[in-house]
Protein backbone atom coordinates (compact mmCIF):
# COMPACT_ATOMS: atom_id res chain seq x y z
CA UNK A 1 21.79 24.94 -24.58
CA UNK A 2 25.45 25.96 -24.65
CA UNK A 3 28.37 23.59 -24.08
CA UNK A 4 28.94 24.79 -20.50
CA UNK A 5 25.32 24.12 -19.51
CA UNK A 6 25.37 20.74 -21.25
CA UNK A 7 28.58 19.46 -19.67
CA UNK A 8 27.57 20.72 -16.20
CA UNK A 9 24.95 17.98 -16.04
CA UNK A 10 27.65 15.33 -16.14
CA UNK A 11 29.98 16.60 -13.45
CA UNK A 12 29.91 16.31 -9.66
CA UNK A 13 27.55 18.76 -8.00
CA UNK A 14 27.46 20.49 -4.62
CA UNK A 15 27.33 17.84 -1.84
CA UNK A 16 24.09 19.37 -0.52
CA UNK A 17 22.44 19.13 -3.92
CA UNK A 18 21.69 21.15 -7.05
CA UNK A 19 21.43 24.80 -6.02
CA UNK A 20 18.47 25.72 -8.30
CA UNK A 21 16.50 22.83 -6.80
CA UNK A 22 17.29 23.94 -3.25
CA UNK A 23 16.23 27.47 -4.18
CA UNK A 24 12.98 26.14 -5.64
CA UNK A 25 12.41 24.12 -2.47
CA UNK A 26 12.84 27.20 -0.27
CA UNK A 27 9.91 28.84 -2.09
CA UNK A 28 7.92 25.59 -2.25
CA UNK A 29 8.26 24.86 1.47
CA UNK A 30 7.28 28.39 2.44
CA UNK A 31 4.23 28.49 0.15
CA UNK A 32 2.85 24.97 0.62
CA UNK A 33 4.14 23.87 4.04
CA UNK A 34 4.67 27.10 5.99
CA UNK A 35 8.31 26.17 6.58
CA UNK A 36 11.01 28.83 6.65
CA UNK A 37 14.13 27.30 5.14
CA UNK A 38 17.32 28.48 3.43
CA UNK A 39 19.39 26.83 0.71
CA UNK A 40 22.01 25.96 3.32
CA UNK A 41 19.46 24.17 5.53
CA UNK A 42 18.35 21.79 2.75
CA UNK A 43 20.00 18.52 1.77
CA UNK A 44 18.88 16.83 -1.44
CA UNK A 45 18.68 13.03 -1.16
CA UNK A 46 17.56 10.16 -3.36
CA UNK A 47 14.33 9.98 -1.37
CA UNK A 48 12.96 9.56 2.14
CA UNK A 49 14.68 6.19 2.48
CA UNK A 50 18.13 7.73 2.04
CA UNK A 51 17.27 10.57 4.41
CA UNK A 52 16.31 8.07 7.11
CA UNK A 53 19.38 5.97 6.40
CA UNK A 54 21.73 8.93 6.81
CA UNK A 55 20.06 9.89 10.08
CA UNK A 56 20.21 6.40 11.56
CA UNK A 57 23.80 5.81 10.47
CA UNK A 58 25.32 9.22 11.20
CA UNK A 59 23.36 10.80 14.05
CA UNK A 60 22.75 7.70 16.16
CA UNK A 61 24.92 4.89 17.52
CA UNK A 62 24.37 1.15 17.92
CA UNK A 63 22.40 0.52 21.08
CA UNK A 64 20.63 3.88 21.04
CA UNK A 65 16.92 3.79 21.81
CA UNK A 66 14.46 5.56 19.52
CA UNK A 67 10.69 5.91 19.55
CA UNK A 68 8.60 5.12 16.50
CA UNK A 69 4.86 5.01 15.95
CA UNK A 70 2.92 1.80 16.41
CA UNK A 71 1.94 0.74 13.82
CA UNK A 72 4.60 2.35 11.64
CA UNK A 73 6.17 2.08 8.21
CA UNK A 74 9.50 2.18 10.04
CA UNK A 75 8.96 -1.39 11.28
CA UNK A 76 9.30 -2.58 7.68
CA UNK A 77 12.67 -0.87 7.20
CA UNK A 78 15.70 -3.08 8.00
CA UNK A 79 17.92 0.00 8.29
CA UNK A 80 16.86 0.43 11.91
CA UNK A 81 18.00 -3.09 12.74
CA UNK A 82 21.21 -2.76 10.72
CA UNK A 83 22.05 0.41 12.66
CA UNK A 84 21.68 -1.56 15.90
CA UNK A 85 18.95 0.69 17.26
CA UNK A 86 16.47 -0.31 19.93
CA UNK A 87 12.92 0.49 18.85
CA UNK A 88 10.17 1.48 21.29
CA UNK A 89 6.54 2.02 20.40
CA UNK A 90 4.36 5.10 20.52
CA UNK A 91 0.77 3.88 20.08
CA UNK A 92 -1.26 5.60 17.36
CA UNK A 93 -5.00 6.18 17.72
CA UNK A 94 -7.42 8.04 15.45
CA UNK A 95 -5.77 11.34 16.45
CA UNK A 96 -2.16 10.19 16.02
CA UNK A 97 0.44 9.47 18.70
CA UNK A 98 -0.18 10.31 22.33
CA UNK A 99 2.63 12.71 23.33
CA UNK A 100 2.58 11.89 27.05
CA UNK A 101 3.81 8.40 26.19
CA UNK A 102 7.12 10.03 25.23
CA UNK A 103 7.89 10.93 28.84
CA UNK A 104 7.46 7.32 29.91
CA UNK A 105 9.72 6.00 27.14
CA UNK A 106 12.35 8.62 27.93
CA UNK A 107 12.30 7.75 31.61
CA UNK A 108 12.44 3.98 31.07
CA UNK A 109 14.68 3.69 28.03
CA UNK A 110 16.49 7.04 27.57
CA UNK A 111 15.29 7.37 23.99
CA UNK A 112 17.50 9.57 21.82
CA UNK A 113 15.18 10.48 18.92
CA UNK A 114 11.55 10.39 17.76
CA UNK A 115 10.46 9.25 14.30
CA UNK A 116 7.03 10.64 13.42
CA UNK A 117 4.77 10.58 10.33
CA UNK A 118 2.10 12.96 11.68
CA UNK A 119 -0.02 13.74 8.60
CA UNK A 120 -2.01 10.88 7.02
CA UNK A 121 0.22 8.44 8.82
CA UNK A 122 1.42 5.30 7.07
CA UNK A 123 -0.28 2.86 7.45
CA UNK A 124 -3.25 4.11 9.50
CA UNK A 125 -4.00 7.37 7.67
CA UNK A 126 -4.30 9.12 11.06
CA UNK A 127 -3.84 12.88 11.28
CA UNK A 128 -2.02 14.09 14.38
CA UNK A 129 -4.36 16.52 16.15
CA UNK A 130 -3.22 20.15 16.32
CA UNK A 131 -3.11 20.23 20.11
CA UNK A 132 -1.04 17.05 20.12
CA UNK A 133 1.45 18.57 17.68
CA UNK A 134 2.06 21.47 20.04
CA UNK A 135 2.23 19.15 23.03
CA UNK A 136 4.68 16.85 21.25
CA UNK A 137 6.98 19.75 20.39
CA UNK A 138 6.85 21.05 23.96
CA UNK A 139 7.72 17.67 25.44
CA UNK A 140 10.50 17.03 22.94
CA UNK A 141 11.96 20.47 23.67
CA UNK A 142 11.77 19.89 27.41
CA UNK A 143 13.56 16.53 27.10
CA UNK A 144 16.03 17.68 24.44
CA UNK A 145 14.80 15.09 21.93
CA UNK A 146 15.21 15.66 18.18
CA UNK A 147 12.21 14.75 16.04
CA UNK A 148 12.42 13.24 12.56
CA UNK A 149 9.25 14.24 10.69
CA UNK A 150 8.50 12.21 7.56
CA UNK A 151 5.89 14.10 5.55
CA UNK A 152 5.20 12.37 2.21
CA UNK A 153 1.40 12.65 2.09
CA UNK A 154 0.31 16.10 3.29
CA UNK A 155 -0.19 17.60 -0.17
CA UNK A 156 -2.59 14.79 -1.05
CA UNK A 157 -5.18 16.25 1.38
CA UNK A 158 -8.44 15.65 -0.47
CA UNK A 159 -10.04 18.87 0.68
CA UNK A 160 -7.09 20.80 -0.73
CA UNK A 161 -5.89 22.28 2.57
CA UNK A 162 -2.75 20.41 3.66
CA UNK A 163 -2.37 19.87 7.42
CA UNK A 164 0.32 21.79 9.26
CA UNK A 165 3.70 20.07 9.56
CA UNK A 166 5.51 19.96 12.87
CA UNK A 167 8.44 21.73 11.25
CA UNK A 168 6.37 24.88 10.62
CA UNK A 169 5.77 25.09 14.39
CA UNK A 170 9.38 24.35 15.31
CA UNK A 171 11.02 27.43 16.82
CA UNK A 172 14.25 25.86 18.14
CA UNK A 173 15.38 23.67 15.22
CA UNK A 174 14.61 20.33 16.87
CA UNK A 175 12.69 18.91 13.87
CA UNK A 176 14.48 17.22 10.96
CA UNK A 177 11.94 17.44 8.17
CA UNK A 178 11.91 14.84 5.36
CA UNK A 179 10.00 15.07 2.09
CA UNK A 180 10.16 13.67 -1.43
CA UNK A 181 8.53 13.66 -4.85
CA UNK A 182 7.61 9.98 -4.62
CA UNK A 183 3.98 10.51 -3.65
CA UNK A 184 3.26 13.76 -5.51
CA UNK A 185 5.15 13.22 -8.78
CA UNK A 186 6.96 9.94 -9.46
CA UNK A 187 8.73 7.48 -7.20
CA UNK A 188 11.17 6.73 -10.02
CA UNK A 189 12.42 10.32 -10.00
CA UNK A 190 14.39 9.44 -6.85
CA UNK A 191 14.62 12.94 -5.46
CA UNK A 192 13.87 13.88 -1.88
CA UNK A 193 15.01 16.45 0.65
CA UNK A 194 15.74 17.08 4.29
CA UNK A 195 15.43 20.37 6.16
CA UNK A 196 17.64 20.56 9.24
CA UNK A 197 20.09 22.86 11.02
CA UNK A 198 23.03 23.67 8.74
CA UNK A 199 25.49 21.81 10.99
CA UNK A 200 23.42 18.63 10.60
CA UNK A 201 23.03 19.13 6.85
CA UNK A 202 26.79 19.56 6.42
CA UNK A 203 27.54 16.43 8.40
CA UNK A 204 25.05 14.30 6.47
CA UNK A 205 26.09 15.80 3.12
CA UNK A 206 29.69 14.83 3.85
CA UNK A 207 28.64 11.28 4.74
CA UNK A 208 26.52 10.97 1.63
CA UNK A 209 29.34 12.31 -0.57
CA UNK A 210 31.59 9.55 0.74
CA UNK A 211 28.94 7.05 -0.36
CA UNK A 212 28.16 8.21 -3.90
CA UNK A 213 29.91 11.55 -4.66
CA UNK A 214 26.46 13.17 -4.84
CA UNK A 215 23.28 12.71 -6.83
CA UNK A 216 22.86 13.03 -10.57
CA UNK A 217 22.07 16.60 -11.59
CA UNK A 218 19.62 15.49 -14.30
CA UNK A 219 16.69 14.35 -12.08
CA UNK A 220 17.33 17.30 -9.76
CA UNK A 221 16.96 19.68 -12.70
CA UNK A 222 13.72 17.92 -13.68
CA UNK A 223 12.45 18.28 -10.10
CA UNK A 224 13.32 21.99 -10.00
CA UNK A 225 11.50 22.56 -13.29
CA UNK A 226 8.49 20.68 -11.90
CA UNK A 227 8.32 22.89 -8.79
CA UNK A 228 8.69 26.08 -10.82
CA UNK A 229 6.19 25.03 -13.46
CA UNK A 230 2.75 26.71 -13.77
CA UNK A 231 1.41 23.17 -14.15
CA UNK A 232 2.32 22.17 -10.57
CA UNK A 233 -0.96 23.32 -8.98
CA UNK A 234 -3.18 21.80 -11.71
CA UNK A 235 -1.22 18.56 -11.36
CA UNK A 236 -1.84 18.47 -7.61
CA UNK A 237 -5.55 19.19 -8.14
CA UNK A 238 -5.81 16.24 -10.53
CA UNK A 239 -3.85 14.01 -8.20
CA UNK A 240 -6.11 14.80 -5.24
CA UNK A 241 -9.32 14.29 -7.22
CA UNK A 242 -8.05 10.98 -8.60
CA UNK A 243 -7.03 9.72 -5.17
CA UNK A 244 -10.37 10.77 -3.68
CA UNK A 245 -12.24 8.96 -6.45
CA UNK A 246 -10.23 5.79 -5.87
CA UNK A 247 -10.63 6.02 -2.10
CA UNK A 248 -14.40 6.22 -2.46
CA UNK A 249 -14.35 3.40 -5.00
CA UNK A 250 -12.50 0.98 -2.74
CA UNK A 251 -14.68 1.91 0.24
CA UNK A 252 -17.81 1.25 -1.81
CA UNK A 253 -16.37 -2.05 -3.02
CA UNK A 254 -15.50 -3.18 0.51
CA UNK A 255 -18.93 -2.25 1.81
CA UNK A 256 -20.49 -4.20 -1.03
CA UNK A 257 -18.26 -7.27 -0.85
CA UNK A 258 -17.52 -7.54 2.88
CA UNK A 259 -20.19 -5.82 4.95
CA UNK A 260 -19.75 -6.53 8.66
CA UNK A 261 -16.34 -8.17 8.07
CA UNK A 262 -14.02 -5.16 7.75
CA UNK A 263 -13.79 -1.92 9.72
CA UNK A 264 -11.70 1.12 8.79
CA UNK A 265 -11.34 4.86 9.42
CA UNK A 266 -11.99 6.96 6.32
CA UNK A 267 -8.73 8.79 5.47
CA UNK A 268 -8.81 12.45 4.37
CA UNK A 269 -5.54 12.15 2.48
CA UNK A 270 -2.78 9.74 1.60
CA UNK A 271 -2.79 6.57 -0.46
CA UNK A 272 -3.86 3.87 1.97
CA UNK A 273 -6.86 2.32 3.67
CA UNK A 274 -6.09 0.70 7.05
CA UNK A 275 -8.56 -2.09 7.71
CA UNK A 276 -9.30 -4.30 10.68
CA UNK A 277 -10.75 -7.72 9.99
CA UNK A 278 -13.57 -8.03 12.50
CA UNK A 279 -13.45 -11.84 12.97
CA UNK A 280 -10.08 -13.16 14.15
CA UNK A 281 -7.98 -14.43 11.24
CA UNK A 282 -4.51 -15.79 10.67
CA UNK A 283 -2.53 -13.20 8.69
CA UNK A 284 -0.31 -15.74 6.95
CA UNK A 285 -3.22 -17.91 5.86
CA UNK A 286 -5.17 -14.90 4.61
CA UNK A 287 -2.20 -13.65 2.62
CA UNK A 288 -1.65 -17.07 1.07
CA UNK A 289 -5.33 -17.34 0.14
CA UNK A 290 -5.27 -13.88 -1.42
CA UNK A 291 -2.09 -14.56 -3.41
CA UNK A 292 -3.65 -17.74 -4.79
CA UNK A 293 -6.40 -15.50 -6.19
CA UNK A 294 -3.97 -12.97 -7.64
CA UNK A 295 -4.29 -10.32 -4.91
CA UNK A 296 -1.52 -8.90 -2.72
CA UNK A 297 -1.94 -6.73 0.37
CA UNK A 298 0.35 -5.77 3.24
CA UNK A 299 -0.45 -7.54 6.53
CA UNK A 300 -0.56 -5.23 9.51
CA UNK A 301 2.14 -7.27 11.25
CA UNK A 302 4.67 -5.84 8.77
CA UNK A 303 4.12 -2.48 10.48
CA UNK A 304 4.30 -3.84 14.01
CA UNK A 305 0.54 -4.06 14.35
CA UNK A 306 -1.39 -6.84 16.01
CA UNK A 307 -2.70 -9.54 13.68
CA UNK A 308 -5.95 -8.99 11.83
CA UNK A 309 -5.07 -5.70 10.13
CA UNK A 310 -4.40 -5.12 6.44
CA UNK A 311 -3.27 -2.11 4.41
CA UNK A 312 -4.77 -1.55 0.98
CA UNK A 313 -3.04 0.92 -1.35
CA UNK A 314 -5.32 2.35 -4.01
CA UNK A 315 -3.10 4.99 -5.65
CA UNK A 316 -1.55 3.05 -8.52
CA UNK A 317 -4.30 0.51 -9.12
CA UNK A 318 -6.54 0.95 -12.12
CA UNK A 319 -10.16 1.54 -11.22
CA UNK A 320 -11.27 -1.78 -12.70
CA UNK A 321 -8.57 -3.60 -10.72
CA UNK A 322 -9.81 -2.06 -7.47
CA UNK A 323 -13.22 -3.67 -7.96
CA UNK A 324 -11.83 -7.03 -9.06
CA UNK A 325 -9.15 -7.07 -6.38
CA UNK A 326 -11.60 -6.27 -3.59
CA UNK A 327 -13.92 -9.05 -4.73
CA UNK A 328 -11.04 -11.55 -4.78
CA UNK A 329 -9.83 -10.45 -1.35
CA UNK A 330 -13.37 -10.93 -0.01
CA UNK A 331 -13.39 -14.41 -1.51
CA UNK A 332 -10.06 -15.18 0.16
CA UNK A 333 -11.26 -13.85 3.50
CA UNK A 334 -14.44 -15.91 3.41
CA UNK A 335 -12.46 -19.02 2.55
CA UNK A 336 -10.34 -18.54 5.68
CA UNK A 337 -13.35 -17.81 7.86
CA UNK A 338 -15.11 -20.92 6.57
CA UNK A 339 -12.13 -23.00 7.68
CA UNK A 340 -12.69 -21.90 11.26
CA UNK A 341 -10.00 -21.52 13.94
């Protein structure tokens, strides 16, 4: 490495992000997500969280109404409250959000933007049906509503064929597409991206530059090397097979430890299992009982859900911990059920 290359890693970079990484992302998005992008339409961020923060702070105003899925990871993010936004719910069923609900929210509340996680939705694992994707885009276009598509899980599709993103079907530039390396490489890498019209990218890049003068070049260079590496596809194959194994393991453990007590859809991708406790339980009491036994889960109420739902994440857990943790959760659940109402 010559002195010029070495010292370039320690200077300020382009506000939109490291050019070789944006070039690698253009090829990556076309090959794996069917998205036609250019270097100028990509903004590198420190992850999906920063992408969402920039959108809520720079493209919306306090008092604006937005629609988010119900349940939704967005409910757990205080940035929506700090931006002064009014949140309205789009119910999610086994096929994702119901697009016709958007018309009603627009008519009643004049919503300004949609926040959608269509593929292996967090927390439910739902996959937005193809016909609904087209319908959603048509309705959003008709109403002039921009869509923020958060797509962290698609490449984890266990069958190896990632579902189509909304952005690949977007012909008018109404979808702001967010991705990151957190779920396919390492959350600690802190590199994500947004694909949007160049005017939007420039505006958000300027805002982000005022915050931090841009991201470090070092992790961006690592990310670019990762995307260009011949080991990327083998890595993704291993990741999918490992996640599938752990999914099946936790399902088997639940069926063994808590038959008749827990219901769940079987996800075809992602990192989570969304479970409904069949008898009525108090979320706070169940969480306390689980913590006392050394087990932590996320109550469904964190995501805006009704009580009696829990989200289990099986990606990082060791296989032996999945079995032990499930058994301890079952013990906690039974202790609460034995107490009665």
